[in-house]
Amino acid sequence: MTKSRSPQHIVWDWNGTLLDDNHAVVAAVNSVCTRFGREHIDIDEWRTIYSRPLRACYETLLRREIAEDDWAAVDELYHVAYRELLDSCGMTEGVPHVLQDWAATGRTQSLLSMWFHDELVELVTARGLHELFDRMDGLRTSVGGGSKDEHLRAHLKVQELDPAEVVLIGDVLDDAHAAEQAGAQCVLVTTGVMDRPKLEKSGYPVVDSIPEALTLIAA
């Protein structure tokens, strides 16, 4: 860990971290590729391309500038295709056991996602995980693609948490950036849409599974 204080609270990311949705993500991205005449990609190629802000990421993917109207179309295409496969997404290895293990220590945890808030709460509740989190926050705007930075600060503030005692566990560099800006710790996992070399550039610990992440911060 990069800081000396032992974390007392975990902020979990959802998509790609606790939820194993890589196949749905790739299918949704390929629906965008089809619309804009770009050849399809696989998860490995998407991991090398993926970055935030997402609009710039899709400009790299599609090899063109994306006008405002086109960006709205990209956003809609992606989410329609993703939602069609959402029910087929399982949980990442070790979930929910790692969540239960952390709760058993008497320390706390919450969920912060860039997925849409109402859908997030419904999905987490349907999977019986909601009682493990002190709070769940998702995106409360109609169009996604922004940074988690301001959302993390608000998430910690409303819970009256000391950022120095918080660790954010996520799967992309935006999680690392948000943690750094908030003054929190961070552990990154390779379970999602960003490859290890990119994650390691953050300077934060990078592990290959959720159980490894929990072992690291509980040590």
Protein backbone atom coordinates (compact mmCIF):
# COMPACT_ATOMS: atom_id res chain seq x y z
CA MET A 1 0.00 0.00 0.00
CA THR A 2 1.13 3.53 -0.63
CA LYS A 3 0.09 5.00 2.72
CA SER A 4 0.80 3.98 6.28
CA ARG A 5 -2.70 4.13 7.72
CA SER A 6 -4.61 0.88 7.66
CA PRO A 7 -7.82 1.14 5.59
CA GLN A 8 -11.02 0.94 7.59
CA HIS A 9 -13.40 1.30 4.65
CA ILE A 10 -13.44 -0.12 1.13
CA VAL A 11 -15.11 1.67 -1.74
CA TRP A 12 -15.77 -0.98 -4.37
CA ASP A 13 -16.13 -0.33 -8.07
CA TRP A 14 -18.85 -2.42 -9.73
CA ASN A 15 -18.46 -2.99 -13.48
CA GLY A 16 -15.38 -5.08 -14.21
CA THR A 17 -14.44 -5.25 -10.53
CA LEU A 18 -17.23 -7.02 -8.66
CA LEU A 19 -19.33 -7.71 -11.77
CA ASP A 20 -17.74 -9.91 -14.45
CA ASP A 21 -19.16 -8.12 -17.48
CA ASN A 22 -16.29 -8.23 -19.98
CA HIS A 23 -18.23 -10.21 -22.59
CA ALA A 24 -21.12 -7.74 -22.40
CA VAL A 25 -18.75 -4.79 -22.70
CA VAL A 26 -17.07 -6.21 -25.81
CA ALA A 27 -20.41 -7.03 -27.42
CA ALA A 28 -21.65 -3.51 -26.71
CA VAL A 29 -18.48 -1.92 -28.08
CA ASN A 30 -18.79 -4.05 -31.21
CA SER A 31 -22.32 -2.79 -31.73
CA VAL A 32 -20.77 0.68 -31.95
CA CYS A 33 -18.10 -0.63 -34.32
CA THR A 34 -20.77 -2.06 -36.60
CA ARG A 35 -22.65 1.24 -36.71
CA PHE A 36 -19.53 3.20 -37.65
CA GLY A 37 -17.99 0.69 -40.05
CA ARG A 38 -15.13 -0.37 -37.83
CA GLU A 39 -14.00 -4.02 -37.65
CA HIS A 40 -14.90 -5.86 -34.44
CA ILE A 41 -12.46 -6.15 -31.55
CA ASP A 42 -11.85 -8.63 -28.73
CA ILE A 43 -11.29 -8.01 -25.03
CA ASP A 44 -7.51 -7.83 -25.40
CA GLU A 45 -7.71 -5.08 -28.02
CA TRP A 46 -10.30 -3.17 -25.98
CA ARG A 47 -8.00 -3.32 -22.95
CA THR A 48 -5.23 -1.66 -24.93
CA ILE A 49 -7.58 1.07 -26.25
CA TYR A 50 -9.71 1.76 -23.19
CA SER A 51 -9.22 5.08 -21.44
CA ARG A 52 -11.21 7.97 -20.02
CA PRO A 53 -12.72 10.29 -20.98
CA LEU A 54 -14.69 7.79 -23.02
CA ARG A 55 -15.39 10.13 -25.89
CA ALA A 56 -11.67 10.37 -26.64
CA CYS A 57 -11.40 6.61 -26.20
CA TYR A 58 -14.06 6.00 -28.84
CA GLU A 59 -12.36 8.45 -31.17
CA THR A 60 -9.27 6.25 -30.93
CA LEU A 61 -11.37 3.14 -31.48
CA LEU A 62 -13.27 4.53 -34.47
CA ARG A 63 -10.29 6.45 -35.85
CA ARG A 64 -12.30 9.65 -36.26
CA GLU A 65 -13.55 12.67 -34.37
CA ILE A 66 -16.95 12.20 -32.80
CA ALA A 67 -19.43 15.04 -33.11
CA GLU A 68 -21.99 15.71 -30.38
CA ASP A 69 -24.81 13.91 -32.23
CA ASP A 70 -22.57 10.93 -32.94
CA TRP A 71 -21.51 10.77 -29.29
CA ALA A 72 -25.15 10.55 -28.22
CA ALA A 73 -25.60 7.70 -30.74
CA VAL A 74 -22.50 5.90 -29.44
CA ASP A 75 -23.75 6.20 -25.87
CA GLU A 76 -27.19 4.85 -26.77
CA LEU A 77 -25.88 2.00 -28.94
CA TYR A 78 -23.50 0.86 -26.23
CA HIS A 79 -26.03 0.89 -23.42
CA VAL A 80 -28.80 -0.82 -25.38
CA ALA A 81 -26.45 -3.68 -26.32
CA TYR A 82 -24.94 -3.88 -22.83
CA ARG A 83 -28.32 -4.06 -21.11
CA GLU A 84 -29.35 -6.97 -23.33
CA LEU A 85 -26.51 -9.03 -21.86
CA LEU A 86 -26.51 -7.72 -18.31
CA ASP A 87 -28.47 -10.66 -16.90
CA SER A 88 -25.84 -13.04 -18.29
CA CYS A 89 -23.04 -11.40 -16.30
CA GLY A 90 -21.82 -13.28 -13.25
CA MET A 91 -19.84 -12.08 -10.28
CA THR A 92 -16.05 -11.89 -10.28
CA GLU A 93 -14.13 -14.72 -8.63
CA GLY A 94 -14.44 -14.51 -4.85
CA VAL A 95 -17.65 -12.47 -4.76
CA PRO A 96 -19.65 -12.35 -2.50
CA HIS A 97 -17.30 -14.15 -0.07
CA VAL A 98 -14.73 -11.35 0.01
CA LEU A 99 -17.45 -8.84 0.83
CA GLN A 100 -18.72 -11.02 3.65
CA ASP A 101 -15.18 -11.56 4.95
CA TRP A 102 -14.52 -7.82 5.09
CA ALA A 103 -17.84 -7.16 6.82
CA ALA A 104 -16.95 -9.82 9.38
CA THR A 105 -13.91 -7.77 10.45
CA GLY A 106 -16.23 -5.01 11.65
CA ARG A 107 -14.94 -2.59 9.04
CA THR A 108 -17.21 -0.97 6.47
CA GLN A 109 -17.65 -0.90 2.69
CA SER A 110 -19.65 0.89 0.05
CA LEU A 111 -20.23 0.76 -3.68
CA LEU A 112 -19.47 3.53 -6.17
CA SER A 113 -20.14 2.94 -9.84
CA MET A 114 -20.32 4.95 -13.04
CA TRP A 115 -23.31 2.81 -14.02
CA PHE A 116 -26.71 4.48 -13.74
CA HIS A 117 -27.82 4.76 -10.12
CA ASP A 118 -31.35 3.33 -10.22
CA GLU A 119 -30.27 0.38 -12.36
CA LEU A 120 -27.24 -0.23 -10.14
CA VAL A 121 -29.30 -0.38 -6.96
CA GLU A 122 -31.85 -2.66 -8.61
CA LEU A 123 -29.16 -5.02 -9.91
CA VAL A 124 -27.18 -5.20 -6.67
CA THR A 125 -30.37 -5.74 -4.68
CA ALA A 126 -31.56 -8.48 -7.05
CA ARG A 127 -28.28 -10.31 -6.47
CA GLY A 128 -28.69 -10.12 -2.71
CA LEU A 129 -25.60 -7.99 -2.11
CA HIS A 130 -27.17 -4.70 -1.04
CA GLU A 131 -27.07 -5.42 2.69
CA LEU A 132 -23.26 -5.73 2.54
CA PHE A 133 -22.84 -2.06 1.58
CA ASP A 134 -23.32 0.97 3.80
CA ARG A 135 -24.10 3.02 0.73
CA MET A 136 -24.50 2.56 -3.02
CA ASP A 137 -23.99 5.40 -5.48
CA GLY A 138 -24.23 5.32 -9.24
CA LEU A 139 -24.37 7.86 -12.02
CA ARG A 140 -27.26 10.29 -11.75
CA THR A 141 -26.98 11.79 -15.24
CA SER A 142 -28.45 10.52 -18.49
CA VAL A 143 -25.14 10.22 -20.37
CA GLY A 144 -22.05 8.51 -19.00
CA GLY A 145 -18.38 8.66 -19.90
CA GLY A 146 -17.02 11.14 -17.37
CA SER A 147 -14.52 10.74 -14.55
CA LYS A 148 -15.18 9.19 -11.14
CA ASP A 149 -13.18 11.95 -9.44
CA GLU A 150 -15.95 14.25 -8.19
CA HIS A 151 -18.27 11.31 -7.53
CA LEU A 152 -15.78 9.71 -5.13
CA ARG A 153 -15.30 12.91 -3.17
CA ALA A 154 -19.07 13.30 -2.80
CA HIS A 155 -19.43 9.61 -1.89
CA LEU A 156 -16.90 9.94 0.93
CA LYS A 157 -18.25 13.26 2.15
CA VAL A 158 -21.82 12.08 2.59
CA GLN A 159 -20.57 9.13 4.64
CA GLU A 160 -18.28 11.40 6.71
CA LEU A 161 -15.29 9.17 5.93
CA ASP A 162 -11.66 10.16 6.37
CA PRO A 163 -10.14 9.57 2.90
CA ALA A 164 -6.84 8.49 4.48
CA GLU A 165 -8.66 5.48 5.96
CA VAL A 166 -10.36 4.52 2.68
CA VAL A 167 -9.17 2.23 -0.10
CA LEU A 168 -10.84 2.24 -3.50
CA ILE A 169 -10.71 -1.07 -5.36
CA GLY A 170 -11.27 -0.74 -9.10
CA ASP A 171 -10.18 -1.94 -12.51
CA VAL A 172 -9.22 1.19 -14.46
CA LEU A 173 -6.87 4.16 -14.16
CA ASP A 174 -9.81 6.47 -13.56
CA ASP A 175 -10.26 4.70 -10.22
CA ALA A 176 -6.62 5.43 -9.36
CA HIS A 177 -7.00 9.06 -10.41
CA ALA A 178 -10.15 9.48 -8.34
CA ALA A 179 -8.49 7.95 -5.28
CA GLU A 180 -5.44 10.17 -5.66
CA GLN A 181 -7.55 13.32 -6.00
CA ALA A 182 -9.64 12.38 -2.96
CA GLY A 183 -6.65 11.49 -0.80
CA ALA A 184 -7.65 7.83 -0.56
CA GLN A 185 -5.67 4.65 -1.12
CA CYS A 186 -6.21 2.41 -4.13
CA VAL A 187 -5.74 -1.16 -5.30
CA LEU A 188 -6.30 -2.02 -8.97
CA VAL A 189 -7.40 -5.40 -10.28
CA THR A 190 -6.82 -6.84 -13.76
CA THR A 191 -10.32 -8.34 -13.91
CA GLY A 192 -11.83 -5.62 -16.08
CA VAL A 193 -11.23 -3.54 -19.20
CA MET A 194 -7.68 -2.27 -18.72
CA ASP A 195 -4.50 -4.26 -19.12
CA ARG A 196 -1.82 -4.64 -16.45
CA PRO A 197 0.85 -2.42 -18.08
CA LYS A 198 -1.54 0.54 -18.07
CA LEU A 199 -2.67 -0.12 -14.51
CA GLU A 200 0.89 -0.36 -13.25
CA LYS A 201 1.60 3.16 -14.52
CA SER A 202 -0.60 4.45 -11.69
CA GLY A 203 2.00 3.54 -9.08
CA TYR A 204 -0.69 1.78 -7.02
CA PRO A 205 -0.66 -1.96 -6.27
CA VAL A 206 -2.05 -4.14 -9.07
CA VAL A 207 -3.40 -7.64 -8.40
CA ASP A 208 -5.14 -10.26 -10.49
CA SER A 209 -8.19 -11.04 -8.37
CA ILE A 210 -10.54 -9.65 -5.76
CA PRO A 211 -9.34 -12.15 -3.09
CA GLU A 212 -5.76 -10.96 -3.72
CA ALA A 213 -6.86 -7.37 -3.24
CA LEU A 214 -8.51 -8.15 0.06
CA THR A 215 -5.46 -10.11 1.25
CA LEU A 216 -3.26 -7.15 0.39
CA ILE A 217 -5.23 -4.52 2.29
CA ALA A 218 -6.06 -6.77 5.24
CA ALA A 219 -2.39 -7.57 5.88
